[in-house]
């Protein structure tokens, strides 16, 4: 990860919350070449000490490389967007604002029981706010037993965590306000909110 000092985020709580808020990750490992897929990944633990977990399908080309101790990279993406040089009071270089967390991990394959618990947690997380939620226990057992052999779950033990939020740090309030206004006109609401929070103007 390219990380200039002024953009670094090192607070464990920030990182923990970021992953919770942006669970759809890019999962990268080195097979016969570099392989990436996109999967939901959840947290277990505390900001100071946590595990991550997810699963992939047997049909995924990454599947045959999964094993205990395998090193992989998880990339969690926040809001991002282009910022035009025309948005500043004085002409400056155009740029791209974004936030991301990279977690280098070692894998440990889950047992069937652990996989089922992980799937139950995953479905609960994303069904909880639905009008008529369907939880893991509500699925036909025959359907579950047909699908379980086709996927593999894994724990991800973090070995290195890096976080960045490039949100116009070092710019004056007038330029930041202008950037936020233009982002909102473009419907980049989440990115605008991130800038306002970073600069203490999110009220």
Protein backbone atom coordinates (compact mmCIF):
# COMPACT_ATOMS: atom_id res chain seq x y z
CA UNK A 1 0.00 0.00 0.00
CA UNK A 2 1.28 3.47 -0.91
CA UNK A 3 0.89 5.47 2.29
CA UNK A 4 1.93 9.07 2.84
CA UNK A 5 2.28 9.83 6.54
CA UNK A 6 -0.48 12.46 6.64
CA UNK A 7 -3.04 9.95 5.31
CA UNK A 8 -2.24 7.07 7.68
CA UNK A 9 -4.90 5.65 9.98
CA UNK A 10 -3.44 3.64 12.84
CA UNK A 11 -6.18 3.71 15.48
CA UNK A 12 -7.35 0.10 16.02
CA UNK A 13 -10.93 1.25 16.58
CA UNK A 14 -10.94 3.13 13.25
CA UNK A 15 -9.67 0.04 11.43
CA UNK A 16 -12.11 -2.30 13.19
CA UNK A 17 -15.07 -0.02 12.43
CA UNK A 18 -13.94 0.44 8.83
CA UNK A 19 -13.89 -3.30 8.19
CA UNK A 20 -17.31 -3.70 9.81
CA UNK A 21 -18.74 -0.93 7.64
CA UNK A 22 -17.13 -2.19 4.41
CA UNK A 23 -17.24 -6.01 4.63
CA UNK A 24 -17.15 -6.75 0.89
CA UNK A 25 -13.43 -7.37 0.38
CA UNK A 26 -11.01 -8.22 -2.39
CA UNK A 27 -9.33 -11.52 -1.47
CA UNK A 28 -5.91 -11.93 -3.10
CA UNK A 29 -3.58 -14.93 -3.03
CA UNK A 30 -0.70 -16.25 -5.07
CA UNK A 31 -1.60 -19.45 -6.92
CA UNK A 32 -0.06 -20.27 -10.25
CA UNK A 33 -0.29 -16.50 -10.65
CA UNK A 34 -1.94 -13.74 -8.62
CA UNK A 35 -5.62 -14.51 -8.08
CA UNK A 36 -8.31 -12.22 -6.71
CA UNK A 37 -11.96 -12.61 -5.92
CA UNK A 38 -14.56 -10.51 -4.11
CA UNK A 39 -16.22 -11.90 -1.00
CA UNK A 40 -17.93 -10.74 2.20
CA UNK A 41 -15.59 -10.97 5.17
CA UNK A 42 -16.64 -10.62 8.80
CA UNK A 43 -14.82 -9.84 12.03
CA UNK A 44 -14.57 -11.77 15.28
CA UNK A 45 -12.91 -10.25 18.34
CA UNK A 46 -11.95 -6.75 19.44
CA UNK A 47 -10.16 -3.80 17.80
CA UNK A 48 -6.96 -4.85 19.56
CA UNK A 49 -7.16 -8.54 18.59
CA UNK A 50 -9.44 -9.91 15.90
CA UNK A 51 -9.85 -12.67 13.35
CA UNK A 52 -11.48 -12.34 9.96
CA UNK A 53 -13.42 -15.06 8.21
CA UNK A 54 -15.03 -15.80 4.88
CA UNK A 55 -15.58 -18.57 2.37
CA UNK A 56 -15.26 -19.30 -1.35
CA UNK A 57 -16.86 -21.80 -3.70
CA UNK A 58 -15.19 -24.94 -4.94
CA UNK A 59 -15.69 -23.58 -8.47
CA UNK A 60 -13.45 -20.59 -7.67
CA UNK A 61 -9.96 -20.98 -9.15
CA UNK A 62 -8.50 -19.96 -5.79
CA UNK A 63 -10.06 -23.01 -4.17
CA UNK A 64 -7.33 -25.52 -5.03
CA UNK A 65 -4.68 -23.35 -3.36
CA UNK A 66 -6.43 -23.04 0.01
CA UNK A 67 -4.50 -24.60 2.88
CA UNK A 68 -3.53 -23.90 6.47
CA UNK A 69 -0.80 -21.27 6.74
CA UNK A 70 -1.35 -19.82 3.26
CA UNK A 71 -0.60 -16.10 3.09
CA UNK A 72 -3.25 -13.89 1.52
CA UNK A 73 -4.27 -10.24 1.33
CA UNK A 74 -7.68 -8.78 2.11
CA UNK A 75 -8.48 -5.31 0.77
CA UNK A 76 -11.43 -3.40 2.19
CA UNK A 77 -12.59 -0.45 0.12
CA UNK A 78 -14.25 2.74 1.32
CA UNK A 79 -15.90 5.55 -0.64
CA UNK A 80 -13.74 6.96 -3.43
CA UNK A 81 -13.97 9.50 -6.22
CA UNK A 82 -12.24 11.88 -8.61
CA UNK A 83 -11.67 15.49 -7.53
CA UNK A 84 -11.36 18.07 -10.29
CA UNK A 85 -8.74 20.82 -10.19
CA UNK A 86 -11.56 23.19 -11.16
CA UNK A 87 -13.09 22.83 -7.68
CA UNK A 88 -10.34 24.82 -5.93
CA UNK A 89 -10.19 28.59 -5.50
CA UNK A 90 -6.75 28.48 -7.14
CA UNK A 91 -5.88 25.93 -9.82
CA UNK A 92 -4.27 22.84 -8.34
CA UNK A 93 -3.62 19.30 -9.53
CA UNK A 94 -6.66 17.05 -9.82
CA UNK A 95 -6.64 14.00 -7.57
CA UNK A 96 -8.58 11.02 -6.26
CA UNK A 97 -9.84 10.77 -2.67
CA UNK A 98 -10.38 7.34 -1.13
CA UNK A 99 -10.00 5.19 1.95
CA UNK A 100 -8.93 1.57 2.29
CA UNK A 101 -7.66 -1.05 4.72
CA UNK A 102 -5.22 -3.80 3.71
CA UNK A 103 -4.86 -6.85 5.95
CA UNK A 104 -2.15 -9.41 5.26
CA UNK A 105 -3.32 -12.70 6.77
CA UNK A 106 -2.53 -16.37 7.27
CA UNK A 107 -5.36 -18.78 6.56
CA UNK A 108 -6.69 -21.65 8.62
CA UNK A 109 -9.38 -23.82 7.07
CA UNK A 110 -12.64 -24.10 9.01
CA UNK A 111 -14.31 -27.29 10.11
CA UNK A 112 -17.82 -27.94 8.80
CA UNK A 113 -19.21 -26.83 12.16
CA UNK A 114 -17.21 -23.59 12.04
CA UNK A 115 -18.32 -22.97 8.47
CA UNK A 116 -21.96 -23.39 9.42
CA UNK A 117 -21.57 -20.98 12.34
CA UNK A 118 -19.87 -18.49 10.01
CA UNK A 119 -22.67 -18.76 7.47
CA UNK A 120 -25.23 -18.30 10.23
CA UNK A 121 -23.44 -15.12 11.37
CA UNK A 122 -23.11 -13.85 7.81
CA UNK A 123 -26.78 -14.25 7.00
CA UNK A 124 -27.83 -12.77 10.35
CA UNK A 125 -25.64 -9.72 9.74
CA UNK A 126 -27.27 -8.88 6.42
CA UNK A 127 -30.82 -10.13 7.04
CA UNK A 128 -31.38 -8.35 10.38
CA UNK A 129 -32.74 -5.15 8.85
CA UNK A 130 -34.99 -6.87 6.29
CA UNK A 131 -38.78 -6.73 6.60
CA UNK A 132 -39.16 -10.50 6.41
CA UNK A 133 -35.70 -11.90 7.19
CA UNK A 134 -34.80 -15.47 6.33
CA UNK A 135 -32.06 -16.74 8.62
CA UNK A 136 -29.78 -19.74 8.25
CA UNK A 137 -32.02 -21.87 10.48
CA UNK A 138 -34.96 -21.07 8.19
CA UNK A 139 -33.32 -22.63 5.13
CA UNK A 140 -34.32 -26.22 4.24
CA UNK A 141 -31.76 -28.60 5.71
CA UNK A 142 -31.58 -30.53 2.46
CA UNK A 143 -30.63 -27.34 0.63
CA UNK A 144 -27.90 -26.61 3.15
CA UNK A 145 -26.46 -30.11 2.95
CA UNK A 146 -26.40 -29.88 -0.85
CA UNK A 147 -24.42 -26.63 -0.75
CA UNK A 148 -22.01 -27.12 2.16
CA UNK A 149 -19.68 -29.52 0.30
CA UNK A 150 -19.33 -26.95 -2.48
CA UNK A 151 -17.76 -24.22 -0.34
CA UNK A 152 -14.82 -23.89 2.03
CA UNK A 153 -14.64 -21.49 4.94
CA UNK A 154 -11.45 -20.11 6.43
CA UNK A 155 -10.18 -18.02 9.31
CA UNK A 156 -7.83 -15.17 8.48
CA UNK A 157 -5.27 -14.29 11.16
CA UNK A 158 -3.93 -10.75 10.60
CA UNK A 159 -0.15 -10.49 10.38
CA UNK A 160 0.00 -6.90 9.06
CA UNK A 161 -2.69 -4.22 8.97
CA UNK A 162 -2.39 -0.99 6.98
CA UNK A 163 -5.00 1.74 6.64
CA UNK A 164 -5.22 4.95 4.67
CA UNK A 165 -7.74 7.74 4.24
CA UNK A 166 -6.74 10.30 1.60
CA UNK A 167 -9.29 13.04 2.26
CA UNK A 168 -7.72 16.38 1.37
CA UNK A 169 -5.67 16.67 4.53
CA UNK A 170 -3.59 19.87 4.37
CA UNK A 171 -6.11 21.82 2.26
CA UNK A 172 -7.81 24.93 3.63
CA UNK A 173 -11.44 24.93 4.73
CA UNK A 174 -12.68 26.84 1.69
CA UNK A 175 -11.30 24.27 -0.75
CA UNK A 176 -12.56 21.34 1.35
CA UNK A 177 -16.03 22.90 1.47
CA UNK A 178 -15.99 23.37 -2.30
CA UNK A 179 -14.89 19.76 -2.88
CA UNK A 180 -17.69 18.50 -0.63
CA UNK A 181 -20.27 20.65 -2.42
CA UNK A 182 -19.21 19.33 -5.82
CA UNK A 183 -19.12 15.73 -4.58
CA UNK A 184 -22.66 16.07 -3.27
CA UNK A 185 -23.85 17.53 -6.58
CA UNK A 186 -22.38 14.42 -8.19
CA UNK A 187 -24.16 12.22 -5.60
CA UNK A 188 -20.88 11.09 -4.01
CA UNK A 189 -22.52 11.54 -0.62
CA UNK A 190 -20.49 8.97 1.32
CA UNK A 191 -17.17 10.46 0.18
CA UNK A 192 -18.35 13.96 1.08
CA UNK A 193 -19.33 12.73 4.55
CA UNK A 194 -15.88 11.20 4.99
CA UNK A 195 -14.20 14.51 4.11
CA UNK A 196 -16.43 16.43 6.50
CA UNK A 197 -15.72 14.00 9.32
CA UNK A 198 -11.98 14.11 8.67
CA UNK A 199 -12.01 17.92 8.78
CA UNK A 200 -14.40 18.22 11.72
CA UNK A 201 -17.23 19.79 9.75
CA UNK A 202 -19.72 16.88 9.81
CA UNK A 203 -22.41 18.76 11.70
